[in-house]
Structures are given as structure tokens and as C-alpha cells.
């Protein structure tokens, strides 16, 4: 089973917008699971942990998990996030396939490895 990292905005101007960002990533993660891959959604993994450790702990941990994934898929608005942009750049630098749509990911998952 392939493991797919979800990237997209988390932090935002308001708690409500953060919640909407989490929901968008969560919905994308569900689509990945429906395609037969395992999704890692950092938005859900460390949501509401803010203040328990410096943010760098969560961000570094997310990058380490991403390095171990087979692919990355982006939420529709990922480009507005510095963190997601950095994750995409890191993934591409490591040769990890990055998909900007679930349809592209679905095609890739259908191809024999």
C-alpha cells in the first residue's frame, strides 16, 4: 500500500479559518484512503497541539514523515501556504512525486510500480 502525505495550509488569520484548513485536508485524506492508499494528514496528526512544543518540533516531524512517504498530494489552495510550498519543494528535491489533484494521484496509483 502506498503512503501519501497531505499538504496544504494549516495556520491562518482566525481559529475558524484554521478549522476550515483542517477540514479541507481531512476531506482530501479521505479521498486518498478511498483510492486504496494510506493518507498521512499532518493537519489532523498534531492539530490543537499548539503551545505544547515549539512549532518547529511539529514542522520538522512532518517533514521527516513526508520523507518516508511515496507521494504528496496538495489541497487546492496549497500555494498560499509557506509551509506547504516548502513541503512541495522538499518532496520534489527528494524525487517524491507531488500531485496537485486527487485525479493525478489516482492515475499514478493505477500505474504498476
C-alpha atoms as a PDB file:
ATOM      1  CA  UNK A   1       0.000   0.000   0.000  1.00  0.00           C
ATOM      2  CA  UNK A   2       1.312   3.432  -0.963  1.00  0.00           C
ATOM      3  CA  UNK A   3       1.523   6.136   1.708  1.00  0.00           C
ATOM      4  CA  UNK A   4       0.526   9.647   0.653  1.00  0.00           C
ATOM      5  CA  UNK A   5       1.308  12.859   2.543  1.00  0.00           C
ATOM      6  CA  UNK A   6      -1.351  15.590   2.514  1.00  0.00           C
ATOM      7  CA  UNK A   7      -0.052  19.165   2.248  1.00  0.00           C
ATOM      8  CA  UNK A   8      -1.905  22.451   2.432  1.00  0.00           C
ATOM      9  CA  UNK A   9      -2.384  25.472   4.677  1.00  0.00           C
ATOM     10  CA  UNK A  10      -2.816  24.966   8.412  1.00  0.00           C
ATOM     11  CA  UNK A  11      -2.163  28.282  10.178  1.00  0.00           C
ATOM     12  CA  UNK A  12      -4.361  31.251   9.314  1.00  0.00           C
ATOM     13  CA  UNK A  13      -5.839  34.570  10.444  1.00  0.00           C
ATOM     14  CA  UNK A  14      -8.535  33.077  12.675  1.00  0.00           C
ATOM     15  CA  UNK A  15      -9.324  29.876  14.538  1.00  0.00           C
ATOM     16  CA  UNK A  16     -12.272  29.378  12.185  1.00  0.00           C
ATOM     17  CA  UNK A  17     -10.022  29.546   9.128  1.00  0.00           C
ATOM     18  CA  UNK A  18      -7.629  27.065  10.766  1.00  0.00           C
ATOM     19  CA  UNK A  19     -10.612  24.758  11.264  1.00  0.00           C
ATOM     20  CA  UNK A  20     -11.563  25.119   7.592  1.00  0.00           C
ATOM     21  CA  UNK A  21      -7.972  24.327   6.582  1.00  0.00           C
ATOM     22  CA  UNK A  22      -8.052  21.180   8.720  1.00  0.00           C
ATOM     23  CA  UNK A  23     -11.374  20.130   7.199  1.00  0.00           C
ATOM     24  CA  UNK A  24     -10.077  20.611   3.653  1.00  0.00           C
ATOM     25  CA  UNK A  25      -7.018  18.457   4.369  1.00  0.00           C
ATOM     26  CA  UNK A  26      -9.161  15.876   6.139  1.00  0.00           C
ATOM     27  CA  UNK A  27     -11.527  15.639   3.144  1.00  0.00           C
ATOM     28  CA  UNK A  28      -8.566  15.156   0.810  1.00  0.00           C
ATOM     29  CA  UNK A  29      -7.154  12.465   3.105  1.00  0.00           C
ATOM     30  CA  UNK A  30     -10.452  10.592   2.925  1.00  0.00           C
ATOM     31  CA  UNK A  31     -10.305  10.694  -0.881  1.00  0.00           C
ATOM     32  CA  UNK A  32      -6.788   9.222  -0.741  1.00  0.00           C
ATOM     33  CA  UNK A  33      -7.983   6.398   1.505  1.00  0.00           C
ATOM     34  CA  UNK A  34     -10.854   5.734  -0.922  1.00  0.00           C
ATOM     35  CA  UNK A  35      -8.269   5.317  -3.693  1.00  0.00           C
ATOM     36  CA  UNK A  36      -6.643   2.482  -1.737  1.00  0.00           C
ATOM     37  CA  UNK A  37      -3.629   4.361  -0.383  1.00  0.00           C
ATOM     38  CA  UNK A  38      -2.863   5.283   3.211  1.00  0.00           C
ATOM     39  CA  UNK A  39      -3.033   9.028   3.863  1.00  0.00           C
ATOM     40  CA  UNK A  40      -0.942  10.894   6.405  1.00  0.00           C
ATOM     41  CA  UNK A  41      -2.709  14.154   7.253  1.00  0.00           C
ATOM     42  CA  UNK A  42      -0.448  16.304   9.456  1.00  0.00           C
ATOM     43  CA  UNK A  43      -3.337  18.736   9.963  1.00  0.00           C
ATOM     44  CA  UNK A  44      -5.082  16.031  11.990  1.00  0.00           C
ATOM     45  CA  UNK A  45      -1.949  14.474  13.449  1.00  0.00           C
ATOM     46  CA  UNK A  46      -0.908  17.485  15.528  1.00  0.00           C
ATOM     47  CA  UNK A  47      -3.996  19.708  15.455  1.00  0.00           C
ATOM     48  CA  UNK A  48      -4.532  21.577  18.680  1.00  0.00           C
ATOM     49  CA  UNK A  49      -1.008  20.764  19.909  1.00  0.00           C
ATOM     50  CA  UNK A  50      -0.022  24.440  19.571  1.00  0.00           C
ATOM     51  CA  UNK A  51       1.977  25.655  22.551  1.00  0.00           C
ATOM     52  CA  UNK A  52       2.862  22.193  23.881  1.00  0.00           C
ATOM     53  CA  UNK A  53       6.169  22.332  21.992  1.00  0.00           C
ATOM     54  CA  UNK A  54       7.737  24.922  19.707  1.00  0.00           C
ATOM     55  CA  UNK A  55       6.128  24.840  16.226  1.00  0.00           C
ATOM     56  CA  UNK A  56       9.490  23.736  14.809  1.00  0.00           C
ATOM     57  CA  UNK A  57       9.014  20.349  16.520  1.00  0.00           C
ATOM     58  CA  UNK A  58       5.786  19.689  14.594  1.00  0.00           C
ATOM     59  CA  UNK A  59       7.132  21.081  11.323  1.00  0.00           C
ATOM     60  CA  UNK A  60      10.358  19.059  11.487  1.00  0.00           C
ATOM     61  CA  UNK A  61       8.377  15.940  12.385  1.00  0.00           C
ATOM     62  CA  UNK A  62       6.031  16.464   9.448  1.00  0.00           C
ATOM     63  CA  UNK A  63       8.988  16.787   7.066  1.00  0.00           C
ATOM     64  CA  UNK A  64      10.512  13.585   8.430  1.00  0.00           C
ATOM     65  CA  UNK A  65       7.254  11.698   7.925  1.00  0.00           C
ATOM     66  CA  UNK A  66       6.904  13.173   4.427  1.00  0.00           C
ATOM     67  CA  UNK A  67      10.389  11.915   3.506  1.00  0.00           C
ATOM     68  CA  UNK A  68       9.136   8.378   4.176  1.00  0.00           C
ATOM     69  CA  UNK A  69       6.008   8.727   2.021  1.00  0.00           C
ATOM     70  CA  UNK A  70       5.571   7.504  -1.535  1.00  0.00           C
ATOM     71  CA  UNK A  71       3.830  10.650  -2.781  1.00  0.00           C
ATOM     72  CA  UNK A  72       2.457  14.042  -1.775  1.00  0.00           C
ATOM     73  CA  UNK A  73      -0.960  15.420  -2.709  1.00  0.00           C
ATOM     74  CA  UNK A  74      -1.876  19.079  -2.269  1.00  0.00           C
ATOM     75  CA  UNK A  75      -5.067  20.802  -1.224  1.00  0.00           C
ATOM     76  CA  UNK A  76      -6.448  23.176  -3.862  1.00  0.00           C
ATOM     77  CA  UNK A  77      -5.108  26.250  -2.050  1.00  0.00           C
ATOM     78  CA  UNK A  78      -1.666  24.923  -1.099  1.00  0.00           C
ATOM     79  CA  UNK A  79       0.207  27.719  -2.871  1.00  0.00           C
ATOM     80  CA  UNK A  80      -0.956  30.302  -0.312  1.00  0.00           C
ATOM     81  CA  UNK A  81       0.914  28.447   2.438  1.00  0.00           C
ATOM     82  CA  UNK A  82       4.629  28.937   3.072  1.00  0.00           C
ATOM     83  CA  UNK A  83       4.740  25.592   4.858  1.00  0.00           C
ATOM     84  CA  UNK A  84       3.034  23.674   2.059  1.00  0.00           C
ATOM     85  CA  UNK A  85       5.237  25.402  -0.514  1.00  0.00           C
ATOM     86  CA  UNK A  86       8.323  24.304   1.434  1.00  0.00           C
ATOM     87  CA  UNK A  87       6.975  20.749   1.740  1.00  0.00           C
ATOM     88  CA  UNK A  88       6.354  20.560  -2.007  1.00  0.00           C
ATOM     89  CA  UNK A  89       9.845  21.893  -2.752  1.00  0.00           C
ATOM     90  CA  UNK A  90      11.394  19.383  -0.339  1.00  0.00           C
ATOM     91  CA  UNK A  91       9.405  16.492  -1.818  1.00  0.00           C
ATOM     92  CA  UNK A  92      10.363  17.441  -5.363  1.00  0.00           C
ATOM     93  CA  UNK A  93      14.001  17.780  -4.320  1.00  0.00           C
ATOM     94  CA  UNK A  94      13.865  14.253  -2.918  1.00  0.00           C
ATOM     95  CA  UNK A  95      12.206  12.881  -6.045  1.00  0.00           C
ATOM     96  CA  UNK A  96       8.900  12.199  -4.298  1.00  0.00           C
ATOM     97  CA  UNK A  97       6.002  12.580  -6.749  1.00  0.00           C
ATOM     98  CA  UNK A  98       3.813  15.614  -5.995  1.00  0.00           C
ATOM     99  CA  UNK A  99       0.215  15.819  -7.199  1.00  0.00           C
ATOM    100  CA  UNK A 100      -1.880  18.966  -7.266  1.00  0.00           C
ATOM    101  CA  UNK A 101      -5.094  16.994  -7.748  1.00  0.00           C
ATOM    102  CA  UNK A 102      -6.563  13.760  -6.486  1.00  0.00           C
ATOM    103  CA  UNK A 103      -7.175  12.798 -10.127  1.00  0.00           C
ATOM    104  CA  UNK A 104      -3.451  12.941 -10.881  1.00  0.00           C
ATOM    105  CA  UNK A 105      -2.742  10.870  -7.797  1.00  0.00           C
ATOM    106  CA  UNK A 106      -5.401   8.343  -8.839  1.00  0.00           C
ATOM    107  CA  UNK A 107      -3.741   7.905 -12.243  1.00  0.00           C
ATOM    108  CA  UNK A 108      -0.343   7.400 -10.614  1.00  0.00           C
ATOM    109  CA  UNK A 109      -1.731   4.851  -8.161  1.00  0.00           C
ATOM    110  CA  UNK A 110      -3.170   2.813 -11.058  1.00  0.00           C
ATOM    111  CA  UNK A 111       0.215   2.510 -12.791  1.00  0.00           C
ATOM    112  CA  UNK A 112       2.193  -0.621 -11.888  1.00  0.00           C
ATOM    113  CA  UNK A 113       5.337   0.217  -9.938  1.00  0.00           C
END
